[in-house]
C-alpha atoms as a PDB file:
ATOM      1  CA  MET A   1      12.913  -7.755  10.487  1.00  0.00           C
ATOM      2  CA  ASP A   2      12.631 -10.131   7.524  1.00  0.00           C
ATOM      3  CA  GLU A   3      15.725 -11.235   5.671  1.00  0.00           C
ATOM      4  CA  MET A   4      14.841  -9.203   2.586  1.00  0.00           C
ATOM      5  CA  THR A   5      15.253  -5.992   4.569  1.00  0.00           C
ATOM      6  CA  GLU A   6      18.842  -6.815   5.397  1.00  0.00           C
ATOM      7  CA  ARG A   7      20.268  -7.223   1.938  1.00  0.00           C
ATOM      8  CA  ALA A   8      19.777  -6.334  -1.705  1.00  0.00           C
ATOM      9  CA  PRO A   9      21.037  -8.092  -4.826  1.00  0.00           C
ATOM     10  CA  SER A  10      24.146  -6.580  -6.374  1.00  0.00           C
ATOM     11  CA  SER A  11      24.159  -7.813  -9.947  1.00  0.00           C
ATOM     12  CA  VAL A  12      21.186  -9.622 -11.499  1.00  0.00           C
ATOM     13  CA  PRO A  13      17.977  -7.610 -12.082  1.00  0.00           C
ATOM     14  CA  VAL A  14      15.144  -8.785  -9.860  1.00  0.00           C
ATOM     15  CA  ALA A  15      12.565  -8.147 -12.590  1.00  0.00           C
ATOM     16  CA  PRO A  16      12.647  -7.980 -16.403  1.00  0.00           C
ATOM     17  CA  THR A  17      13.844  -4.518 -17.420  1.00  0.00           C
ATOM     18  CA  ASP A  18      10.933  -4.023 -19.821  1.00  0.00           C
ATOM     19  CA  GLY A  19       8.477  -4.414 -16.939  1.00  0.00           C
ATOM     20  CA  ARG A  20       6.896  -7.573 -18.323  1.00  0.00           C
ATOM     21  CA  ARG A  21       6.653 -10.799 -16.361  1.00  0.00           C
ATOM     22  CA  ARG A  22       6.268 -14.292 -17.704  1.00  0.00           C
ATOM     23  CA  SER A  23       3.027 -16.153 -17.141  1.00  0.00           C
ATOM     24  CA  GLY A  24       3.408 -19.581 -15.607  1.00  0.00           C
ATOM     25  CA  ALA A  25       5.680 -18.315 -12.817  1.00  0.00           C
ATOM     26  CA  ARG A  26       4.640 -19.993  -9.582  1.00  0.00           C
ATOM     27  CA  ILE A  27       4.977 -18.497  -6.127  1.00  0.00           C
ATOM     28  CA  GLU A  28       7.290 -20.906  -4.321  1.00  0.00           C
ATOM     29  CA  GLU A  29       7.757 -20.437  -0.565  1.00  0.00           C
ATOM     30  CA  ARG A  30       9.120 -22.398   2.357  1.00  0.00           C
ATOM     31  CA  GLU A  31       6.848 -24.396   4.603  1.00  0.00           C
ATOM     32  CA  LEU A  32       5.789 -22.435   7.656  1.00  0.00           C
ATOM     33  CA  PRO A  33       7.063 -23.407  11.100  1.00  0.00           C
ATOM     34  CA  PRO A  34       4.604 -24.045  13.963  1.00  0.00           C
ATOM     35  CA  PRO A  35       3.021 -20.795  15.210  1.00  0.00           C
ATOM     36  CA  ARG A  36       4.662 -19.108  18.198  1.00  0.00           C
ATOM     37  CA  TYR A  37       2.143 -17.848  20.781  1.00  0.00           C
ATOM     38  CA  GLU A  38       3.000 -15.092  23.242  1.00  0.00           C
ATOM     39  CA  TYR A  39       1.046 -13.047  25.788  1.00  0.00           C
ATOM     40  CA  GLY A  40       1.217  -9.253  25.740  1.00  0.00           C
ATOM     41  CA  GLY A  41       0.243  -8.111  29.214  1.00  0.00           C
ATOM     42  CA  ASP A  42      -3.295  -8.992  30.285  1.00  0.00           C
ATOM     43  CA  GLU A  43      -5.142  -8.034  27.106  1.00  0.00           C
ATOM     44  CA  PHE A  44      -3.158  -9.245  24.089  1.00  0.00           C
ATOM     45  CA  VAL A  45      -2.067 -12.451  22.408  1.00  0.00           C
ATOM     46  CA  PHE A  46       0.614 -12.196  19.717  1.00  0.00           C
ATOM     47  CA  VAL A  47       1.157 -15.007  17.218  1.00  0.00           C
ATOM     48  CA  GLU A  48       4.184 -15.176  14.917  1.00  0.00           C
ATOM     49  CA  LEU A  49       3.903 -17.363  11.827  1.00  0.00           C
ATOM     50  CA  SER A  50       7.183 -16.621  10.057  1.00  0.00           C
ATOM     51  CA  GLU A  51      10.401 -14.673  10.651  1.00  0.00           C
ATOM     52  CA  GLU A  52      10.703 -13.702   6.978  1.00  0.00           C
ATOM     53  CA  MET A  53       8.375 -12.142   4.444  1.00  0.00           C
ATOM     54  CA  SER A  54       5.894 -14.766   3.284  1.00  0.00           C
ATOM     55  CA  PHE A  55       2.667 -14.506   1.296  1.00  0.00           C
ATOM     56  CA  ARG A  56       1.581 -17.809   2.817  1.00  0.00           C
ATOM     57  CA  ALA A  57       2.131 -16.573   6.385  1.00  0.00           C
ATOM     58  CA  ASN A  58       0.169 -13.400   5.685  1.00  0.00           C
ATOM     59  CA  LEU A  59      -2.720 -15.385   4.247  1.00  0.00           C
ATOM     60  CA  LYS A  60      -2.597 -17.858   7.123  1.00  0.00           C
ATOM     61  CA  ALA A  61      -2.910 -14.995   9.619  1.00  0.00           C
ATOM     62  CA  ARG A  62      -5.934 -13.639   7.776  1.00  0.00           C
ATOM     63  CA  ALA A  63      -7.519 -17.087   7.417  1.00  0.00           C
ATOM     64  CA  THR A  64      -7.033 -17.794  11.123  1.00  0.00           C
ATOM     65  CA  LEU A  65      -8.646 -14.507  12.134  1.00  0.00           C
ATOM     66  CA  GLN A  66     -11.451 -15.129   9.660  1.00  0.00           C
ATOM     67  CA  GLN A  67     -12.160 -18.458  11.351  1.00  0.00           C
ATOM     68  CA  LEU A  68     -11.902 -16.887  14.806  1.00  0.00           C
ATOM     69  CA  SER A  69     -14.399 -14.160  13.884  1.00  0.00           C
ATOM     70  CA  GLU A  70     -16.908 -16.747  12.735  1.00  0.00           C
ATOM     71  CA  GLN A  71     -16.829 -18.403  16.173  1.00  0.00           C
ATOM     72  CA  GLY A  72     -18.182 -15.268  17.870  1.00  0.00           C
ATOM     73  CA  LEU A  73     -16.138 -15.683  21.051  1.00  0.00           C
ATOM     74  CA  PRO A  74     -17.111 -13.248  23.827  1.00  0.00           C
ATOM     75  CA  GLY A  75     -14.452 -10.744  24.848  1.00  0.00           C
ATOM     76  CA  ILE A  76     -12.727 -10.263  21.489  1.00  0.00           C
ATOM     77  CA  ILE A  77     -12.034  -6.532  21.054  1.00  0.00           C
ATOM     78  CA  ASP A  78      -9.760  -6.231  18.029  1.00  0.00           C
ATOM     79  CA  LEU A  79      -8.065  -8.432  15.437  1.00  0.00           C
ATOM     80  CA  CYS A  80      -4.878  -7.084  13.855  1.00  0.00           C
ATOM     81  CA  PRO A  81      -3.274  -9.097  11.028  1.00  0.00           C
ATOM     82  CA  ASN A  82       0.264  -8.139  10.056  1.00  0.00           C
ATOM     83  CA  SER A  83       2.719  -9.193   7.356  1.00  0.00           C
ATOM     84  CA  THR A  84       3.645 -12.544   8.964  1.00  0.00           C
ATOM     85  CA  SER A  85       1.902 -12.414  12.353  1.00  0.00           C
ATOM     86  CA  TYR A  86      -1.244 -11.279  14.073  1.00  0.00           C
ATOM     87  CA  LEU A  87      -2.290  -9.621  17.327  1.00  0.00           C
ATOM     88  CA  ILE A  88      -5.558 -10.095  19.210  1.00  0.00           C
ATOM     89  CA  ARG A  89      -6.868  -7.739  21.871  1.00  0.00           C
ATOM     90  CA  PHE A  90      -9.418  -9.228  24.245  1.00  0.00           C
ATOM     91  CA  ASP A  91     -11.154  -8.590  27.559  1.00  0.00           C
ATOM     92  CA  PRO A  92      -9.589 -10.954  30.138  1.00  0.00           C
ATOM     93  CA  ASP A  93     -12.723 -10.650  32.297  1.00  0.00           C
ATOM     94  CA  GLU A  94     -14.698 -12.345  29.527  1.00  0.00           C
ATOM     95  CA  LEU A  95     -12.082 -14.565  27.910  1.00  0.00           C
ATOM     96  CA  ALA A  96      -9.147 -16.224  29.670  1.00  0.00           C
ATOM     97  CA  PRO A  97      -5.856 -15.879  27.750  1.00  0.00           C
ATOM     98  CA  ALA A  98      -5.126 -19.601  27.928  1.00  0.00           C
ATOM     99  CA  ASP A  99      -8.602 -20.372  26.559  1.00  0.00           C
ATOM    100  CA  LEU A 100      -8.020 -18.003  23.625  1.00  0.00           C
ATOM    101  CA  VAL A 101      -4.690 -19.656  22.798  1.00  0.00           C
ATOM    102  CA  ALA A 102      -6.373 -23.070  22.984  1.00  0.00           C
ATOM    103  CA  VAL A 103      -8.964 -21.925  20.450  1.00  0.00           C
ATOM    104  CA  LEU A 104      -6.213 -20.573  18.168  1.00  0.00           C
ATOM    105  CA  ARG A 105      -4.309 -23.850  18.360  1.00  0.00           C
ATOM    106  CA  SER A 106      -7.482 -25.725  17.469  1.00  0.00           C
ATOM    107  CA  ILE A 107      -8.090 -23.473  14.468  1.00  0.00           C
ATOM    108  CA  ASP A 108      -4.491 -23.944  13.336  1.00  0.00           C
ATOM    109  CA  ALA A 109      -4.777 -27.726  13.558  1.00  0.00           C
ATOM    110  CA  ARG A 110      -7.727 -27.885  11.191  1.00  0.00           C
ATOM    111  CA  LEU A 111      -7.079 -24.812   9.020  1.00  0.00           C
ATOM    112  CA  GLY A 112      -5.532 -26.584   6.067  1.00  0.00           C
ATOM    113  CA  ASP A 113      -3.805 -24.662   3.285  1.00  0.00           C
ATOM    114  CA  PRO A 114      -4.519 -20.889   3.491  1.00  0.00           C
ATOM    115  CA  ALA A 115      -4.243 -20.806  -0.304  1.00  0.00           C
ATOM    116  CA  ASP A 116      -7.650 -22.500  -0.421  1.00  0.00           C
ATOM    117  CA  PHE A 117      -9.388 -19.570   1.298  1.00  0.00           C
ATOM    118  CA  HIS A 118     -10.974 -16.636  -0.516  1.00  0.00           C
ATOM    119  CA  PHE A 119     -10.668 -13.082   0.808  1.00  0.00           C
ATOM    120  CA  PRO A 120     -12.627  -9.955  -0.094  1.00  0.00           C
ATOM    121  CA  ALA A 121     -10.284  -7.441  -1.720  1.00  0.00           C
ATOM    122  CA  ARG A 122     -10.193  -3.970  -3.181  1.00  0.00           C
ATOM    123  CA  VAL A 123      -7.955  -3.496  -6.229  1.00  0.00           C
ATOM    124  CA  ILE A 124      -7.082   0.195  -6.174  1.00  0.00           C
ATOM    125  CA  ASP A 125      -5.479   2.577  -8.664  1.00  0.00           C
ATOM    126  CA  VAL A 126      -2.886   4.588  -6.701  1.00  0.00           C
ATOM    127  CA  PRO A 127      -1.306   7.335  -8.855  1.00  0.00           C
ATOM    128  CA  ILE A 128       2.385   8.052  -8.145  1.00  0.00           C
ATOM    129  CA  LEU A 129       4.693  10.735  -9.504  1.00  0.00           C
ATOM    130  CA  TYR A 130       8.023   8.894  -9.459  1.00  0.00           C
ATOM    131  CA  ASP A 131      11.201  10.992  -9.177  1.00  0.00           C
ATOM    132  CA  ASP A 132       9.243  14.008  -7.926  1.00  0.00           C
ATOM    133  CA  PRO A 133      10.865  17.288  -6.780  1.00  0.00           C
ATOM    134  CA  TRP A 134       9.582  17.252  -3.170  1.00  0.00           C
ATOM    135  CA  SER A 135      10.861  13.894  -1.979  1.00  0.00           C
ATOM    136  CA  THR A 136      14.057  14.519  -3.963  1.00  0.00           C
ATOM    137  CA  GLU A 137      14.609  17.786  -2.100  1.00  0.00           C
ATOM    138  CA  CYS A 138      14.095  15.941   1.167  1.00  0.00           C
ATOM    139  CA  LEU A 139      16.445  13.035   0.411  1.00  0.00           C
ATOM    140  CA  LEU A 140      19.202  15.379  -0.725  1.00  0.00           C
ATOM    141  CA  ARG A 141      19.238  16.935   2.758  1.00  0.00           C
ATOM    142  CA  TYR A 142      20.060  13.564   4.294  1.00  0.00           C
ATOM    143  CA  ARG A 143      22.854  12.121   2.122  1.00  0.00           C
ATOM    144  CA  ASP A 144      25.094  11.812   5.180  1.00  0.00           C
ATOM    145  CA  ARG A 145      22.647   9.169   6.464  1.00  0.00           C
ATOM    146  CA  HIS A 146      22.536   7.176   3.241  1.00  0.00           C
ATOM    147  CA  GLN A 147      24.519   4.241   1.848  1.00  0.00           C
ATOM    148  CA  ASP A 148      25.381   6.245  -1.296  1.00  0.00           C
ATOM    149  CA  PRO A 149      25.869   9.983  -0.604  1.00  0.00           C
ATOM    150  CA  HIS A 150      26.440  10.729  -4.303  1.00  0.00           C
ATOM    151  CA  ALA A 151      23.213   9.282  -5.735  1.00  0.00           C
ATOM    152  CA  THR A 152      19.494   9.814  -5.307  1.00  0.00           C
ATOM    153  CA  ASP A 153      17.496   7.024  -3.709  1.00  0.00           C
ATOM    154  CA  LEU A 154      16.134   5.958  -7.103  1.00  0.00           C
ATOM    155  CA  GLU A 155      19.635   5.874  -8.611  1.00  0.00           C
ATOM    156  CA  TYR A 156      20.872   3.832  -5.680  1.00  0.00           C
ATOM    157  CA  MET A 157      17.974   1.359  -5.921  1.00  0.00           C
ATOM    158  CA  ALA A 158      18.483   0.968  -9.674  1.00  0.00           C
ATOM    159  CA  ARG A 159      22.166   0.169  -9.173  1.00  0.00           C
ATOM    160  CA  ILE A 160      21.817  -2.382  -6.365  1.00  0.00           C
ATOM    161  CA  ASN A 161      18.972  -4.165  -8.157  1.00  0.00           C
ATOM    162  CA  GLY A 162      20.960  -4.422 -11.379  1.00  0.00           C
ATOM    163  CA  PHE A 163      19.023  -2.003 -13.567  1.00  0.00           C
ATOM    164  CA  ALA A 164      20.877   0.131 -16.116  1.00  0.00           C
ATOM    165  CA  THR A 165      18.647   3.197 -15.672  1.00  0.00           C
ATOM    166  CA  VAL A 166      16.224   4.725 -13.211  1.00  0.00           C
ATOM    167  CA  GLN A 167      13.439   4.370 -15.768  1.00  0.00           C
ATOM    168  CA  GLU A 168      14.008   0.607 -15.954  1.00  0.00           C
ATOM    169  CA  LEU A 169      13.695   0.437 -12.175  1.00  0.00           C
ATOM    170  CA  VAL A 170      10.516   2.543 -12.198  1.00  0.00           C
ATOM    171  CA  THR A 171       8.992   0.303 -14.879  1.00  0.00           C
ATOM    172  CA  ALA A 172       9.788  -2.872 -12.944  1.00  0.00           C
ATOM    173  CA  HIS A 173       8.694  -1.341  -9.632  1.00  0.00           C
ATOM    174  CA  SER A 174       5.356  -0.089 -10.914  1.00  0.00           C
ATOM    175  CA  ASP A 175       4.471  -3.012 -13.195  1.00  0.00           C
ATOM    176  CA  PRO A 176       2.953  -5.463 -10.666  1.00  0.00           C
ATOM    177  CA  PRO A 177       0.158  -4.882  -8.170  1.00  0.00           C
ATOM    178  CA  TYR A 178       1.137  -4.828  -4.485  1.00  0.00           C
ATOM    179  CA  LEU A 179      -0.593  -6.728  -1.690  1.00  0.00           C
ATOM    180  CA  VAL A 180      -1.101  -4.679   1.493  1.00  0.00           C
ATOM    181  CA  MET A 181       0.151  -6.979   4.235  1.00  0.00           C
ATOM    182  CA  GLY A 182      -0.197  -4.698   7.239  1.00  0.00           C
ATOM    183  CA  VAL A 183      -1.562  -1.350   8.402  1.00  0.00           C
ATOM    184  CA  GLY A 184      -0.293   0.425  11.500  1.00  0.00           C
ATOM    185  CA  PHE A 185       2.808   1.890  13.138  1.00  0.00           C
ATOM    186  CA  THR A 186       1.448   5.417  12.590  1.00  0.00           C
ATOM    187  CA  PRO A 187      -2.183   6.171  11.631  1.00  0.00           C
ATOM    188  CA  GLY A 188      -2.694   5.200   8.003  1.00  0.00           C
ATOM    189  CA  CYS A 189       0.769   3.710   7.488  1.00  0.00           C
ATOM    190  CA  TYR A 190       0.858   0.494   5.469  1.00  0.00           C
ATOM    191  CA  TRP A 191       3.393  -1.874   3.930  1.00  0.00           C
ATOM    192  CA  SER A 192       2.863  -3.745   0.691  1.00  0.00           C
ATOM    193  CA  VAL A 193       4.747  -6.356  -1.339  1.00  0.00           C
ATOM    194  CA  ALA A 194       4.851  -6.806  -5.109  1.00  0.00           C
ATOM    195  CA  MET A 195       2.715  -9.766  -6.162  1.00  0.00           C
ATOM    196  CA  VAL A 196       5.503 -11.547  -8.011  1.00  0.00           C
ATOM    197  CA  PRO A 197       7.815 -14.490  -7.266  1.00  0.00           C
ATOM    198  CA  ARG A 198      10.404 -13.695  -4.614  1.00  0.00           C
ATOM    199  CA  GLU A 199      13.303 -13.443  -7.067  1.00  0.00           C
ATOM    200  CA  GLN A 200      11.506 -10.643  -8.967  1.00  0.00           C
ATOM    201  CA  ILE A 201      10.811  -8.404  -5.957  1.00  0.00           C
ATOM    202  CA  VAL A 202      12.686  -5.090  -5.899  1.00  0.00           C
ATOM    203  CA  VAL A 203      14.469  -4.715  -2.558  1.00  0.00           C
ATOM    204  CA  ALA A 204      16.487  -1.998  -0.839  1.00  0.00           C
ATOM    205  CA  PRO A 205      17.861  -1.469   2.669  1.00  0.00           C
ATOM    206  CA  THR A 206      16.606   1.381   4.807  1.00  0.00           C
ATOM    207  CA  TYR A 207      18.804   4.421   5.487  1.00  0.00           C
ATOM    208  CA  ILE A 208      21.882   3.924   7.666  1.00  0.00           C
ATOM    209  CA  ARG A 209      20.359   6.464  10.052  1.00  0.00           C
ATOM    210  CA  PRO A 210      16.698   7.549   9.770  1.00  0.00           C
ATOM    211  CA  ARG A 211      15.746  10.984   8.500  1.00  0.00           C
ATOM    212  CA  ILE A 212      14.106  13.311  10.970  1.00  0.00           C
ATOM    213  CA  ASP A 213      11.746  14.568   8.272  1.00  0.00           C
ATOM    214  CA  THR A 214       9.710  12.992   5.461  1.00  0.00           C
ATOM    215  CA  PRO A 215       7.015  14.765   3.419  1.00  0.00           C
ATOM    216  CA  GLU A 216       3.412  13.685   3.711  1.00  0.00           C
ATOM    217  CA  ARG A 217       2.401  11.352   0.851  1.00  0.00           C
ATOM    218  CA  ALA A 218       6.027  10.504  -0.019  1.00  0.00           C
ATOM    219  CA  PHE A 219       6.197   7.147  -1.817  1.00  0.00           C
ATOM    220  CA  SER A 220       8.952   4.946  -0.446  1.00  0.00           C
ATOM    221  CA  HIS A 221      10.571   1.522  -0.407  1.00  0.00           C
ATOM    222  CA  GLY A 222      12.340  -0.351   2.389  1.00  0.00           C
ATOM    223  CA  GLY A 223      13.324  -4.008   2.375  1.00  0.00           C
ATOM    224  CA  CYS A 224      10.716  -5.654   0.159  1.00  0.00           C
ATOM    225  CA  PHE A 225       7.984  -3.200   1.179  1.00  0.00           C
ATOM    226  CA  ALA A 226       6.530  -0.221  -0.702  1.00  0.00           C
ATOM    227  CA  ALA A 227       4.552   2.387   1.248  1.00  0.00           C
ATOM    228  CA  ILE A 228       3.180   5.921   1.195  1.00  0.00           C
ATOM    229  CA  TYR A 229       3.952   8.063   4.245  1.00  0.00           C
ATOM    230  CA  PRO A 230       0.541   9.110   5.619  1.00  0.00           C
ATOM    231  CA  SER A 231       1.826  12.205   7.429  1.00  0.00           C
ATOM    232  CA  PRO A 232       5.068  14.171   7.877  1.00  0.00           C
ATOM    233  CA  GLY A 233       7.624  12.636  10.198  1.00  0.00           C
ATOM    234  CA  PRO A 234      10.854  10.692  10.562  1.00  0.00           C
ATOM    235  CA  GLY A 235      11.596   7.697   8.372  1.00  0.00           C
ATOM    236  CA  GLY A 236      14.217   5.467   6.858  1.00  0.00           C
ATOM    237  CA  TYR A 237      12.659   4.054   3.678  1.00  0.00           C
ATOM    238  CA  GLN A 238      14.164   5.066   0.320  1.00  0.00           C
ATOM    239  CA  LEU A 239      12.213   7.998  -1.173  1.00  0.00           C
ATOM    240  CA  ILE A 240      11.173   7.364  -4.776  1.00  0.00           C
ATOM    241  CA  GLY A 241       8.054   9.411  -5.523  1.00  0.00           C
ATOM    242  CA  MET A 242       5.012  11.336  -4.347  1.00  0.00           C
ATOM    243  CA  ALA A 243       1.303  10.469  -4.250  1.00  0.00           C
ATOM    244  CA  PRO A 244      -1.124  13.274  -5.109  1.00  0.00           C
ATOM    245  CA  ALA A 245      -3.883  11.790  -2.930  1.00  0.00           C
ATOM    246  CA  PRO A 246      -3.790  11.071   0.809  1.00  0.00           C
ATOM    247  CA  ILE A 247      -4.118   7.693   2.486  1.00  0.00           C
ATOM    248  CA  PHE A 248      -4.894   9.369   5.830  1.00  0.00           C
ATOM    249  CA  ASP A 249      -7.550  12.092   6.134  1.00  0.00           C
ATOM    250  CA  PRO A 250      -8.196  12.939   9.800  1.00  0.00           C
ATOM    251  CA  ALA A 251     -10.823  15.529   8.822  1.00  0.00           C
ATOM    252  CA  GLN A 252     -12.537  12.952   6.576  1.00  0.00           C
ATOM    253  CA  ARG A 253     -13.151  15.554   3.874  1.00  0.00           C
ATOM    254  CA  LEU A 254     -12.942  13.171   0.960  1.00  0.00           C
ATOM    255  CA  ALA A 255     -15.686  10.680   0.146  1.00  0.00           C
ATOM    256  CA  ASP A 256     -13.335   7.684   0.316  1.00  0.00           C
ATOM    257  CA  PHE A 257     -12.719   8.494   4.001  1.00  0.00           C
ATOM    258  CA  ARG A 258     -16.332   8.741   5.184  1.00  0.00           C
ATOM    259  CA  ASP A 259     -16.158   5.502   7.134  1.00  0.00           C
ATOM    260  CA  SER A 260     -12.635   5.954   8.489  1.00  0.00           C
ATOM    261  CA  PRO A 261      -9.817   8.517   8.403  1.00  0.00           C
ATOM    262  CA  VAL A 262      -7.551   5.616   7.378  1.00  0.00           C
ATOM    263  CA  PHE A 263      -8.071   4.583   3.760  1.00  0.00           C
ATOM    264  CA  THR A 264      -5.864   1.494   3.495  1.00  0.00           C
ATOM    265  CA  GLN A 265      -6.999  -1.948   4.661  1.00  0.00           C
ATOM    266  CA  VAL A 266      -5.096  -5.204   5.050  1.00  0.00           C
ATOM    267  CA  GLY A 267      -5.759  -7.216   1.906  1.00  0.00           C
ATOM    268  CA  ASP A 268      -6.007  -4.198  -0.394  1.00  0.00           C
ATOM    269  CA  ILE A 269      -4.227  -4.622  -3.714  1.00  0.00           C
ATOM    270  CA  PHE A 270      -2.557  -1.388  -4.798  1.00  0.00           C
ATOM    271  CA  LYS A 271      -1.512  -0.632  -8.373  1.00  0.00           C
ATOM    272  CA  HIS A 272       1.062   2.147  -8.028  1.00  0.00           C
ATOM    273  CA  ARG A 273       0.489   3.788 -11.414  1.00  0.00           C
ATOM    274  CA  PRO A 274       3.176   6.181 -12.725  1.00  0.00           C
ATOM    275  CA  ILE A 275       1.844   9.606 -13.688  1.00  0.00           C
ATOM    276  CA  ASP A 276       3.409  12.820 -15.013  1.00  0.00           C
ATOM    277  CA  ARG A 277       3.476  16.253 -13.384  1.00  0.00           C
ATOM    278  CA  ALA A 278       0.407  17.481 -15.283  1.00  0.00           C
ATOM    279  CA  GLU A 279      -1.765  14.632 -13.991  1.00  0.00           C
ATOM    280  CA  PHE A 280      -0.287  15.038 -10.523  1.00  0.00           C
ATOM    281  CA  ASP A 281      -1.321  18.715 -10.446  1.00  0.00           C
ATOM    282  CA  GLU A 282      -4.790  17.866 -11.760  1.00  0.00           C
ATOM    283  CA  LEU A 283      -5.323  15.225  -9.065  1.00  0.00           C
ATOM    284  CA  ARG A 284      -3.986  17.539  -6.352  1.00  0.00           C
ATOM    285  CA  ALA A 285      -6.584  20.115  -7.434  1.00  0.00           C
ATOM    286  CA  GLN A 286      -9.305  17.476  -7.051  1.00  0.00           C
ATOM    287  CA  VAL A 287      -8.040  16.661  -3.561  1.00  0.00           C
ATOM    288  CA  GLU A 288      -8.071  20.344  -2.632  1.00  0.00           C
ATOM    289  CA  ASP A 289     -11.626  20.922  -3.865  1.00  0.00           C
ATOM    290  CA  GLY A 290     -12.873  17.675  -2.277  1.00  0.00           C
ATOM    291  CA  THR A 291     -13.847  15.844  -5.473  1.00  0.00           C
ATOM    292  CA  PHE A 292     -11.068  13.257  -5.658  1.00  0.00           C
ATOM    293  CA  ARG A 293     -12.083   9.592  -5.612  1.00  0.00           C
ATOM    294  CA  TYR A 294      -9.874   6.524  -5.768  1.00  0.00           C
ATOM    295  CA  ARG A 295     -10.631   4.110  -8.591  1.00  0.00           C
ATOM    296  CA  ILE A 296     -11.578   0.823  -6.888  1.00  0.00           C
ATOM    297  CA  HIS A 297     -12.535  -2.643  -8.143  1.00  0.00           C
ATOM    298  CA  ARG A 298     -13.957  -5.036  -5.539  1.00  0.00           C
ATOM    299  CA  CYS A 299     -13.397  -8.752  -5.971  1.00  0.00           C
ATOM    300  CA  ASP A 300     -12.555 -12.013  -4.222  1.00  0.00           C
ATOM    301  CA  PHE A 301      -8.832 -12.635  -3.928  1.00  0.00           C
ATOM    302  CA  GLU A 302      -8.085 -16.290  -4.733  1.00  0.00           C
ATOM    303  CA  PRO A 303      -4.624 -17.218  -3.388  1.00  0.00           C
ATOM    304  CA  ARG A 304      -4.505 -20.591  -5.139  1.00  0.00           C
ATOM    305  CA  ARG A 305      -4.726 -18.953  -8.567  1.00  0.00           C
ATOM    306  CA  PHE A 306      -2.131 -16.377  -7.541  1.00  0.00           C
ATOM    307  CA  PHE A 307       0.342 -19.009  -6.327  1.00  0.00           C
ATOM    308  CA  GLU A 308      -0.058 -21.110  -9.492  1.00  0.00           C
ATOM    309  CA  ASP A 309       0.484 -18.287 -12.012  1.00  0.00           C
ATOM    310  CA  ALA A 310       1.184 -14.898 -10.457  1.00  0.00           C
ATOM    311  CA  ALA A 311       1.595 -12.933 -13.691  1.00  0.00           C
ATOM    312  CA  ARG A 312      -1.611 -14.194 -15.278  1.00  0.00           C
ATOM    313  CA  TYR A 313      -3.621 -13.661 -12.104  1.00  0.00           C
ATOM    314  CA  ASP A 314      -2.190 -10.150 -11.660  1.00  0.00           C
ATOM    315  CA  GLU A 315      -3.278  -9.325 -15.209  1.00  0.00           C
ATOM    316  CA  GLN A 316      -6.811 -10.496 -14.438  1.00  0.00           C
ATOM    317  CA  LEU A 317      -6.963  -8.394 -11.287  1.00  0.00           C
ATOM    318  CA  LEU A 318      -5.827  -5.307 -13.168  1.00  0.00           C
ATOM    319  CA  ALA A 319      -8.224  -6.017 -16.030  1.00  0.00           C
ATOM    320  CA  GLY A 320     -11.019  -5.807 -13.470  1.00  0.00           C
ATOM    321  CA  LEU A 321      -9.693  -2.423 -12.353  1.00  0.00           C
ATOM    322  CA  TYR A 322      -8.961  -0.843 -15.722  1.00  0.00           C
ATOM    323  CA  GLY A 323     -11.148  -2.924 -18.041  1.00  0.00           C
ATOM    324  CA  ALA A 324     -10.021  -5.725 -20.324  1.00  0.00           C
END
């Protein structure tokens, strides 16, 4: 669990209350420690790059796996990057675990700065009805499990992040794009972080005790991570909205799911765009009749430009999605 999951600021807003961010703001992060390599049974190697949320660690994991893929080692079955770590599944009859770790150490020694890599990315418009009736009905049934039994999750998040109103929180929360750092846990589940300097990231602890029920497509926030619940089930993230479109389609009815029932990919850049109830209902109708399509802009993600001026680079990414 990264340190941002354990605490939330109590006074100063983490983002400007008008939703705007200053250009010129650099992404400053700590230097990464040496990777920690561990074996998982006979078929897995797990590598931890950081114990806290880190854009640099996430990019280093992806750069390392990119380099590993290019080597074409026999026996590699699956590569799974995560927020600050990665997991490799392999066939031990074709590739000895110690040999795989030796290759990974060699890649790490010559990798250089992961900010100098480029990564293919999809910038995606993700409509969200903030403060919706369905997730609100759900959260109200579980106030005995929450830090503030007398407030909604949005009201609680606004207060602990220093915002005067829920609308100020929603504006700050939805203003930046979010980098998808990991996909997993349950089919289609993802976690994403706002592409802003650390001090501007909205944070919130998870529930004191998890809910036993969460609606499908509920939009949520826990620690520094924003996520849409792909299917109904238990959960502990704060509930703040509802997505009209799925991120998991096991029947693969919709065109965006033709290649996989899981829509989200590591490295996606989501723009959680606030919508009203009328647009929500219109998009739900498109989902029901099978005509819904996500709006997607494909590009190369350039970490160096992001680290040097996050706000300006975010604007350029979104201009590619929505037009200048």
